[in-house]
Amino acid sequence: MQKYPMTQKGAQLLQEELARLKSVERSSVIQAIAEARSHGDISENAEYDAAKEKQAFIEGRIAEIESKLSQAQIIDISNLNSDGKVVFGATIRILDLESDEETSYQIVGDDEADVKIRKISVNTPVARSLIGKHIGDVVEVKVPNGIKEYEIIAIEFIE
């Protein structure tokens, strides 16, 4: 069975979502279905159909999260010994050599990735090009409009 890397925080967020879906959302949709059924004929009842669709979505998401958690390789960032290399979970500050812009990203699992909060998936071209590199290294990343060059300025391990 293939394991998928995930930070402890990412696993915690999935566990919280799973708990909410099972305890709150599931019972809420069951009540909505019962309410819709009480209105009589369900063959042309839009409320019933909507509640059943929501129930299917919730049950599917529960199954998906349980599967992901069972296949997760949870990595404790605070205990990593990377010997100065970029590894999963690291927060990397990079300098765009063309624009002279500095930015930082944390390399996380697919489910945790959110570019808006500077978390990129370990499977992205940027992350793949950074893994294994050291401070001061220049990496080339193939982007849709060519190749970008970045210099690694700092590597940190923060949650």
N, C-alpha and C. Protein backbone atom coordinates (compact mmCIF):
# COMPACT_ATOMS: atom_id res chain seq x y z
N MET A 1 0.84 -1.18 0.00
CA MET A 1 0.00 0.00 0.00
C MET A 1 0.89 1.24 0.00
N GLN A 2 0.58 2.17 -0.88
CA GLN A 2 1.34 3.40 -0.97
C GLN A 2 0.99 4.34 0.18
N LYS A 3 2.01 4.94 0.77
CA LYS A 3 1.81 5.91 1.84
C LYS A 3 1.92 7.32 1.26
N TYR A 4 1.13 8.23 1.80
CA TYR A 4 1.13 9.61 1.35
C TYR A 4 1.63 10.50 2.48
N PRO A 5 2.65 11.34 2.21
CA PRO A 5 3.18 12.19 3.27
C PRO A 5 2.18 13.27 3.69
N MET A 6 2.19 13.54 4.98
CA MET A 6 1.28 14.53 5.53
C MET A 6 1.90 15.06 6.82
N THR A 7 1.77 16.36 7.05
CA THR A 7 2.27 16.92 8.31
C THR A 7 1.29 16.57 9.43
N GLN A 8 1.75 16.69 10.66
CA GLN A 8 0.86 16.44 11.81
C GLN A 8 -0.32 17.39 11.79
N LYS A 9 -0.08 18.66 11.43
CA LYS A 9 -1.16 19.64 11.38
C LYS A 9 -2.17 19.26 10.31
N GLY A 10 -1.71 18.79 9.16
CA GLY A 10 -2.61 18.36 8.09
C GLY A 10 -3.46 17.18 8.52
N ALA A 11 -2.86 16.23 9.21
CA ALA A 11 -3.61 15.07 9.70
C ALA A 11 -4.64 15.51 10.74
N GLN A 12 -4.25 16.44 11.60
CA GLN A 12 -5.17 16.94 12.62
C GLN A 12 -6.38 17.63 11.97
N LEU A 13 -6.13 18.44 10.94
CA LEU A 13 -7.24 19.12 10.26
C LEU A 13 -8.19 18.12 9.60
N LEU A 14 -7.65 17.07 9.00
CA LEU A 14 -8.50 16.04 8.41
C LEU A 14 -9.30 15.31 9.48
N GLN A 15 -8.68 15.02 10.61
CA GLN A 15 -9.38 14.33 11.70
C GLN A 15 -10.51 15.21 12.26
N GLU A 16 -10.27 16.52 12.35
CA GLU A 16 -11.31 17.44 12.81
C GLU A 16 -12.47 17.51 11.81
N GLU A 17 -12.14 17.54 10.53
CA GLU A 17 -13.20 17.55 9.51
C GLU A 17 -14.00 16.26 9.57
N LEU A 18 -13.32 15.14 9.74
CA LEU A 18 -14.00 13.84 9.82
C LEU A 18 -14.94 13.81 11.03
N ALA A 19 -14.48 14.28 12.16
CA ALA A 19 -15.32 14.30 13.36
C ALA A 19 -16.55 15.17 13.15
N ARG A 20 -16.36 16.33 12.52
CA ARG A 20 -17.49 17.23 12.25
C ARG A 20 -18.48 16.59 11.28
N LEU A 21 -17.98 15.96 10.25
CA LEU A 21 -18.87 15.32 9.28
C LEU A 21 -19.68 14.20 9.93
N LYS A 22 -19.02 13.41 10.78
CA LYS A 22 -19.71 12.28 11.41
C LYS A 22 -20.68 12.72 12.50
N SER A 23 -20.30 13.72 13.28
CA SER A 23 -21.15 14.07 14.42
C SER A 23 -22.18 15.16 14.11
N VAL A 24 -21.85 16.11 13.27
CA VAL A 24 -22.75 17.23 13.03
C VAL A 24 -23.46 17.10 11.68
N GLU A 25 -22.67 17.03 10.62
CA GLU A 25 -23.24 17.04 9.27
C GLU A 25 -24.12 15.83 8.98
N ARG A 26 -23.65 14.65 9.38
CA ARG A 26 -24.40 13.43 9.12
C ARG A 26 -25.77 13.47 9.79
N SER A 27 -25.82 13.85 11.06
CA SER A 27 -27.11 13.88 11.76
C SER A 27 -28.01 14.99 11.21
N SER A 28 -27.42 16.09 10.80
CA SER A 28 -28.19 17.19 10.22
C SER A 28 -28.88 16.77 8.93
N VAL A 29 -28.16 16.07 8.08
CA VAL A 29 -28.75 15.65 6.81
C VAL A 29 -29.79 14.55 7.01
N ILE A 30 -29.60 13.72 8.01
CA ILE A 30 -30.61 12.69 8.32
C ILE A 30 -31.91 13.36 8.76
N GLN A 31 -31.80 14.41 9.55
CA GLN A 31 -32.99 15.16 9.98
C GLN A 31 -33.66 15.83 8.78
N ALA A 32 -32.86 16.36 7.86
CA ALA A 32 -33.41 17.02 6.67
C ALA A 32 -34.15 16.02 5.79
N ILE A 33 -33.63 14.80 5.67
CA ILE A 33 -34.29 13.76 4.89
C ILE A 33 -35.62 13.38 5.55
N ALA A 34 -35.60 13.22 6.87
CA ALA A 34 -36.83 12.87 7.60
C ALA A 34 -37.88 13.97 7.44
N GLU A 35 -37.45 15.21 7.52
CA GLU A 35 -38.36 16.35 7.36
C GLU A 35 -38.97 16.35 5.96
N ALA A 36 -38.14 16.14 4.96
CA ALA A 36 -38.62 16.13 3.57
C ALA A 36 -39.59 14.98 3.34
N ARG A 37 -39.32 13.83 3.96
CA ARG A 37 -40.22 12.67 3.81
C ARG A 37 -41.58 12.94 4.44
N SER A 38 -41.59 13.72 5.50
CA SER A 38 -42.84 13.99 6.20
C SER A 38 -43.80 14.84 5.37
N HIS A 39 -43.28 15.45 4.31
CA HIS A 39 -44.13 16.28 3.45
C HIS A 39 -44.92 15.46 2.43
N GLY A 40 -44.79 14.16 2.49
CA GLY A 40 -45.58 13.31 1.60
C GLY A 40 -44.78 12.72 0.46
N ASP A 41 -45.34 12.75 -0.73
CA ASP A 41 -44.78 12.13 -1.93
C ASP A 41 -43.34 12.60 -2.16
N ILE A 42 -42.38 11.63 -2.14
CA ILE A 42 -40.98 12.00 -2.32
C ILE A 42 -40.53 11.94 -3.78
N SER A 43 -41.39 11.45 -4.66
CA SER A 43 -40.98 11.32 -6.07
C SER A 43 -40.77 12.67 -6.74
N GLU A 44 -41.44 13.72 -6.28
CA GLU A 44 -41.27 15.05 -6.86
C GLU A 44 -40.93 16.08 -5.77
N ASN A 45 -40.15 15.65 -4.81
CA ASN A 45 -39.82 16.49 -3.66
C ASN A 45 -38.37 16.98 -3.79
N ALA A 46 -38.20 18.25 -4.15
CA ALA A 46 -36.87 18.82 -4.36
C ALA A 46 -36.05 18.84 -3.06
N GLU A 47 -36.71 19.09 -1.94
CA GLU A 47 -36.00 19.10 -0.66
C GLU A 47 -35.40 17.73 -0.37
N TYR A 48 -36.19 16.69 -0.64
CA TYR A 48 -35.73 15.32 -0.41
C TYR A 48 -34.53 15.02 -1.31
N ASP A 49 -34.65 15.36 -2.59
CA ASP A 49 -33.56 15.10 -3.53
C ASP A 49 -32.28 15.84 -3.11
N ALA A 50 -32.41 17.09 -2.70
CA ALA A 50 -31.25 17.87 -2.27
C ALA A 50 -30.61 17.26 -1.02
N ALA A 51 -31.44 16.82 -0.08
CA ALA A 51 -30.92 16.22 1.15
C ALA A 51 -30.21 14.91 0.84
N LYS A 52 -30.75 14.12 -0.07
CA LYS A 52 -30.12 12.85 -0.45
C LYS A 52 -28.78 13.10 -1.15
N GLU A 53 -28.73 14.14 -1.99
CA GLU A 53 -27.47 14.50 -2.65
C GLU A 53 -26.42 14.92 -1.63
N LYS A 54 -26.85 15.72 -0.66
CA LYS A 54 -25.93 16.17 0.38
C LYS A 54 -25.45 14.98 1.21
N GLN A 55 -26.35 14.05 1.48
CA GLN A 55 -25.97 12.86 2.24
C GLN A 55 -24.93 12.04 1.47
N ALA A 56 -25.12 11.90 0.17
CA ALA A 56 -24.16 11.15 -0.66
C ALA A 56 -22.80 11.85 -0.64
N PHE A 57 -22.81 13.17 -0.72
CA PHE A 57 -21.55 13.92 -0.68
C PHE A 57 -20.84 13.72 0.66
N ILE A 58 -21.58 13.83 1.76
CA ILE A 58 -21.00 13.68 3.10
C ILE A 58 -20.41 12.29 3.28
N GLU A 59 -21.17 11.27 2.89
CA GLU A 59 -20.69 9.90 3.04
C GLU A 59 -19.45 9.65 2.17
N GLY A 60 -19.44 10.24 0.98
CA GLY A 60 -18.27 10.11 0.10
C GLY A 60 -17.05 10.78 0.69
N ARG A 61 -17.25 11.96 1.26
CA ARG A 61 -16.14 12.70 1.87
C ARG A 61 -15.61 11.97 3.10
N ILE A 62 -16.51 11.38 3.90
CA ILE A 62 -16.10 10.59 5.06
C ILE A 62 -15.22 9.43 4.61
N ALA A 63 -15.65 8.71 3.59
CA ALA A 63 -14.87 7.58 3.08
C ALA A 63 -13.51 8.04 2.55
N GLU A 64 -13.50 9.18 1.85
CA GLU A 64 -12.26 9.72 1.29
C GLU A 64 -11.27 10.08 2.40
N ILE A 65 -11.75 10.76 3.43
CA ILE A 65 -10.87 11.17 4.53
C ILE A 65 -10.35 9.95 5.28
N GLU A 66 -11.23 9.00 5.56
CA GLU A 66 -10.79 7.78 6.26
C GLU A 66 -9.72 7.05 5.46
N SER A 67 -9.89 6.99 4.15
CA SER A 67 -8.90 6.35 3.29
C SER A 67 -7.57 7.10 3.33
N LYS A 68 -7.64 8.42 3.23
CA LYS A 68 -6.41 9.23 3.25
C LYS A 68 -5.68 9.08 4.57
N LEU A 69 -6.41 9.10 5.67
CA LEU A 69 -5.77 8.98 6.98
C LEU A 69 -5.17 7.59 7.17
N SER A 70 -5.81 6.56 6.63
CA SER A 70 -5.27 5.22 6.78
C SER A 70 -4.00 5.01 5.95
N GLN A 71 -3.84 5.80 4.90
CA GLN A 71 -2.67 5.68 4.03
C GLN A 71 -1.64 6.78 4.28
N ALA A 72 -1.87 7.60 5.30
CA ALA A 72 -0.99 8.75 5.56
C ALA A 72 0.30 8.32 6.24
N GLN A 73 1.38 8.94 5.81
CA GLN A 73 2.65 8.83 6.50
C GLN A 73 2.83 10.18 7.18
N ILE A 74 2.48 10.23 8.47
CA ILE A 74 2.47 11.50 9.19
C ILE A 74 3.90 11.83 9.64
N ILE A 75 4.35 13.00 9.23
CA ILE A 75 5.73 13.41 9.47
C ILE A 75 5.74 14.55 10.48
N ASP A 76 6.49 14.34 11.56
CA ASP A 76 6.65 15.35 12.60
C ASP A 76 7.79 16.28 12.19
N ILE A 77 7.44 17.48 11.79
CA ILE A 77 8.42 18.44 11.29
C ILE A 77 9.44 18.81 12.36
N SER A 78 9.01 18.87 13.61
CA SER A 78 9.92 19.29 14.67
C SER A 78 11.05 18.29 14.92
N ASN A 79 10.89 17.05 14.48
CA ASN A 79 11.92 16.03 14.70
C ASN A 79 12.77 15.74 13.47
N LEU A 80 12.62 16.54 12.42
CA LEU A 80 13.36 16.26 11.19
C LEU A 80 14.82 16.65 11.32
N ASN A 81 15.68 15.79 10.79
CA ASN A 81 17.09 16.10 10.70
C ASN A 81 17.42 16.05 9.22
N SER A 82 17.47 17.21 8.61
CA SER A 82 17.60 17.26 7.15
C SER A 82 19.03 17.48 6.69
N ASP A 83 19.96 17.64 7.61
CA ASP A 83 21.36 17.92 7.26
C ASP A 83 21.47 19.12 6.33
N GLY A 84 20.63 20.13 6.54
CA GLY A 84 20.70 21.36 5.76
C GLY A 84 20.07 21.27 4.39
N LYS A 85 19.33 20.19 4.12
CA LYS A 85 18.69 20.03 2.81
C LYS A 85 17.20 20.35 2.90
N VAL A 86 16.63 20.70 1.76
CA VAL A 86 15.18 20.89 1.67
C VAL A 86 14.53 19.51 1.69
N VAL A 87 13.59 19.31 2.61
CA VAL A 87 12.84 18.06 2.70
C VAL A 87 11.36 18.38 2.90
N PHE A 88 10.53 17.35 2.83
CA PHE A 88 9.10 17.50 3.09
C PHE A 88 8.90 18.19 4.43
N GLY A 89 7.99 19.16 4.46
CA GLY A 89 7.67 19.86 5.69
C GLY A 89 8.47 21.14 5.90
N ALA A 90 9.56 21.30 5.16
CA ALA A 90 10.40 22.49 5.32
C ALA A 90 9.69 23.72 4.77
N THR A 91 9.99 24.86 5.39
CA THR A 91 9.57 26.15 4.86
C THR A 91 10.81 26.76 4.23
N ILE A 92 10.71 27.08 2.95
CA ILE A 92 11.85 27.54 2.19
C ILE A 92 11.63 28.97 1.72
N ARG A 93 12.61 29.82 1.96
CA ARG A 93 12.58 31.17 1.40
C ARG A 93 13.42 31.13 0.13
N ILE A 94 12.82 31.61 -0.96
CA ILE A 94 13.52 31.61 -2.24
C ILE A 94 13.51 33.00 -2.85
N LEU A 95 14.49 33.24 -3.69
CA LEU A 95 14.62 34.50 -4.38
C LEU A 95 14.48 34.23 -5.87
N ASP A 96 13.51 34.90 -6.50
CA ASP A 96 13.33 34.82 -7.95
C ASP A 96 14.46 35.65 -8.57
N LEU A 97 15.36 34.99 -9.28
CA LEU A 97 16.54 35.68 -9.80
C LEU A 97 16.22 36.66 -10.92
N GLU A 98 15.07 36.50 -11.56
CA GLU A 98 14.68 37.41 -12.63
C GLU A 98 14.05 38.69 -12.07
N SER A 99 13.10 38.53 -11.16
CA SER A 99 12.37 39.70 -10.64
C SER A 99 12.94 40.24 -9.33
N ASP A 100 13.87 39.49 -8.73
CA ASP A 100 14.48 39.85 -7.45
C ASP A 100 13.44 39.86 -6.32
N GLU A 101 12.34 39.09 -6.51
CA GLU A 101 11.29 38.97 -5.49
C GLU A 101 11.59 37.80 -4.58
N GLU A 102 11.38 38.01 -3.29
CA GLU A 102 11.60 36.97 -2.30
C GLU A 102 10.24 36.44 -1.85
N THR A 103 10.14 35.13 -1.70
CA THR A 103 8.90 34.53 -1.22
C THR A 103 9.25 33.27 -0.44
N SER A 104 8.28 32.75 0.29
CA SER A 104 8.52 31.51 1.02
C SER A 104 7.35 30.56 0.83
N TYR A 105 7.67 29.27 0.90
CA TYR A 105 6.67 28.21 0.77
C TYR A 105 7.00 27.11 1.76
N GLN A 106 5.96 26.45 2.25
CA GLN A 106 6.15 25.23 3.01
C GLN A 106 5.75 24.08 2.11
N ILE A 107 6.56 23.03 2.09
CA ILE A 107 6.27 21.86 1.27
C ILE A 107 5.44 20.89 2.11
N VAL A 108 4.22 20.62 1.65
CA VAL A 108 3.27 19.80 2.41
C VAL A 108 2.66 18.73 1.51
N GLY A 109 1.76 17.93 2.08
CA GLY A 109 1.06 16.91 1.32
C GLY A 109 -0.01 17.52 0.42
N ASP A 110 -0.51 16.73 -0.52
CA ASP A 110 -1.49 17.20 -1.49
C ASP A 110 -2.72 17.82 -0.83
N ASP A 111 -3.23 17.21 0.22
CA ASP A 111 -4.45 17.69 0.86
C ASP A 111 -4.26 18.96 1.67
N GLU A 112 -3.03 19.26 2.01
CA GLU A 112 -2.74 20.44 2.82
C GLU A 112 -2.41 21.66 1.96
N ALA A 113 -2.08 21.42 0.71
CA ALA A 113 -1.59 22.49 -0.16
C ALA A 113 -2.63 23.59 -0.34
N ASP A 114 -2.16 24.83 -0.24
CA ASP A 114 -2.99 26.02 -0.44
C ASP A 114 -2.04 27.17 -0.74
N VAL A 115 -1.93 27.52 -2.00
CA VAL A 115 -0.97 28.54 -2.43
C VAL A 115 -1.24 29.88 -1.75
N LYS A 116 -2.51 30.16 -1.44
CA LYS A 116 -2.84 31.44 -0.80
C LYS A 116 -2.16 31.61 0.56
N ILE A 117 -1.91 30.50 1.24
CA ILE A 117 -1.23 30.58 2.53
C ILE A 117 0.19 30.02 2.43
N ARG A 118 0.71 29.99 1.22
CA ARG A 118 2.10 29.63 0.93
C ARG A 118 2.45 28.18 1.29
N LYS A 119 1.51 27.28 1.07
CA LYS A 119 1.78 25.85 1.27
C LYS A 119 1.61 25.18 -0.09
N ILE A 120 2.71 24.54 -0.56
CA ILE A 120 2.66 23.89 -1.87
C ILE A 120 2.83 22.39 -1.71
N SER A 121 2.19 21.66 -2.60
CA SER A 121 2.24 20.21 -2.58
C SER A 121 3.64 19.72 -2.92
N VAL A 122 4.03 18.66 -2.26
CA VAL A 122 5.31 18.02 -2.52
C VAL A 122 5.40 17.55 -3.98
N ASN A 123 4.26 17.43 -4.64
CA ASN A 123 4.22 16.94 -6.02
C ASN A 123 4.26 18.04 -7.08
N THR A 124 4.36 19.30 -6.67
CA THR A 124 4.42 20.40 -7.64
C THR A 124 5.83 20.49 -8.23
N PRO A 125 5.94 21.06 -9.43
CA PRO A 125 7.27 21.21 -10.03
C PRO A 125 8.23 22.03 -9.15
N VAL A 126 7.71 23.07 -8.50
CA VAL A 126 8.58 23.89 -7.64
C VAL A 126 9.12 23.04 -6.49
N ALA A 127 8.24 22.34 -5.79
CA ALA A 127 8.68 21.52 -4.66
C ALA A 127 9.63 20.43 -5.10
N ARG A 128 9.31 19.76 -6.20
CA ARG A 128 10.19 18.68 -6.68
C ARG A 128 11.58 19.20 -7.02
N SER A 129 11.66 20.43 -7.53
CA SER A 129 12.97 20.97 -7.88
C SER A 129 13.74 21.41 -6.63
N LEU A 130 13.05 21.73 -5.55
CA LEU A 130 13.70 22.19 -4.33
C LEU A 130 14.18 21.05 -3.43
N ILE A 131 13.47 19.93 -3.43
CA ILE A 131 13.79 18.80 -2.55
C ILE A 131 15.25 18.37 -2.77
N GLY A 132 15.96 18.24 -1.66
CA GLY A 132 17.34 17.77 -1.72
C GLY A 132 18.38 18.86 -1.91
N LYS A 133 17.95 20.08 -2.15
CA LYS A 133 18.88 21.19 -2.38
C LYS A 133 19.24 21.86 -1.04
N HIS A 134 20.29 22.70 -1.09
CA HIS A 134 20.80 23.39 0.10
C HIS A 134 20.66 24.90 -0.06
N ILE A 135 20.87 25.62 1.05
CA ILE A 135 20.89 27.08 1.01
C ILE A 135 22.00 27.52 0.05
N GLY A 136 21.66 28.49 -0.79
CA GLY A 136 22.61 28.99 -1.77
C GLY A 136 22.50 28.33 -3.13
N ASP A 137 21.87 27.16 -3.19
CA ASP A 137 21.68 26.48 -4.48
C ASP A 137 20.71 27.27 -5.35
N VAL A 138 20.93 27.22 -6.65
CA VAL A 138 20.02 27.81 -7.62
C VAL A 138 19.29 26.67 -8.30
N VAL A 139 17.96 26.75 -8.33
CA VAL A 139 17.15 25.70 -8.97
C VAL A 139 16.41 26.28 -10.16
N GLU A 140 16.23 25.44 -11.15
CA GLU A 140 15.46 25.84 -12.33
C GLU A 140 14.13 25.11 -12.28
N VAL A 141 13.06 25.86 -12.50
CA VAL A 141 11.72 25.29 -12.48
C VAL A 141 11.07 25.58 -13.82
N LYS A 142 10.59 24.53 -14.47
CA LYS A 142 9.90 24.71 -15.74
C LYS A 142 8.48 25.19 -15.46
N VAL A 143 8.15 26.36 -16.01
CA VAL A 143 6.83 26.96 -15.87
C VAL A 143 6.23 27.11 -17.26
N PRO A 144 4.92 27.36 -17.35
CA PRO A 144 4.29 27.43 -18.67
C PRO A 144 4.96 28.40 -19.66
N ASN A 145 5.52 29.49 -19.16
CA ASN A 145 6.13 30.44 -20.09
C ASN A 145 7.66 30.37 -20.10
N GLY A 146 8.21 29.23 -19.76
CA GLY A 146 9.66 29.06 -19.83
C GLY A 146 10.24 28.42 -18.59
N ILE A 147 11.41 28.93 -18.20
CA ILE A 147 12.10 28.39 -17.03
C ILE A 147 12.37 29.53 -16.06
N LYS A 148 12.05 29.30 -14.79
CA LYS A 148 12.31 30.28 -13.73
C LYS A 148 13.50 29.77 -12.91
N GLU A 149 14.32 30.70 -12.47
CA GLU A 149 15.45 30.36 -11.60
C GLU A 149 15.23 30.97 -10.24
N TYR A 150 15.42 30.13 -9.22
CA TYR A 150 15.27 30.57 -7.84
C TYR A 150 16.53 30.21 -7.06
N GLU A 151 16.91 31.10 -6.15
CA GLU A 151 18.01 30.78 -5.23
C GLU A 151 17.40 30.51 -3.87
N ILE A 152 17.86 29.46 -3.21
CA ILE A 152 17.37 29.12 -1.88
C ILE A 152 18.10 30.00 -0.87
N ILE A 153 17.32 30.80 -0.13
CA ILE A 153 17.89 31.73 0.84
C ILE A 153 17.89 31.14 2.25
N ALA A 154 16.81 30.43 2.61
CA ALA A 154 16.71 29.89 3.97
C ALA A 154 15.84 28.64 3.97
N ILE A 155 16.13 27.77 4.92
CA ILE A 155 15.35 26.55 5.13
C ILE A 155 15.00 26.51 6.61
N GLU A 156 13.70 26.45 6.91
CA GLU A 156 13.26 26.43 8.29
C GLU A 156 12.26 25.29 8.49
N PHE A 157 12.11 24.88 9.74
CA PHE A 157 11.13 23.85 10.06
C PHE A 157 10.18 24.39 11.11
N ILE A 158 9.10 25.02 10.62
CA ILE A 158 8.10 25.61 11.49
C ILE A 158 6.73 25.05 11.12
N GLU A 159 5.91 24.86 12.13
CA GLU A 159 4.56 24.30 11.90
C GLU A 159 3.66 25.30 11.29
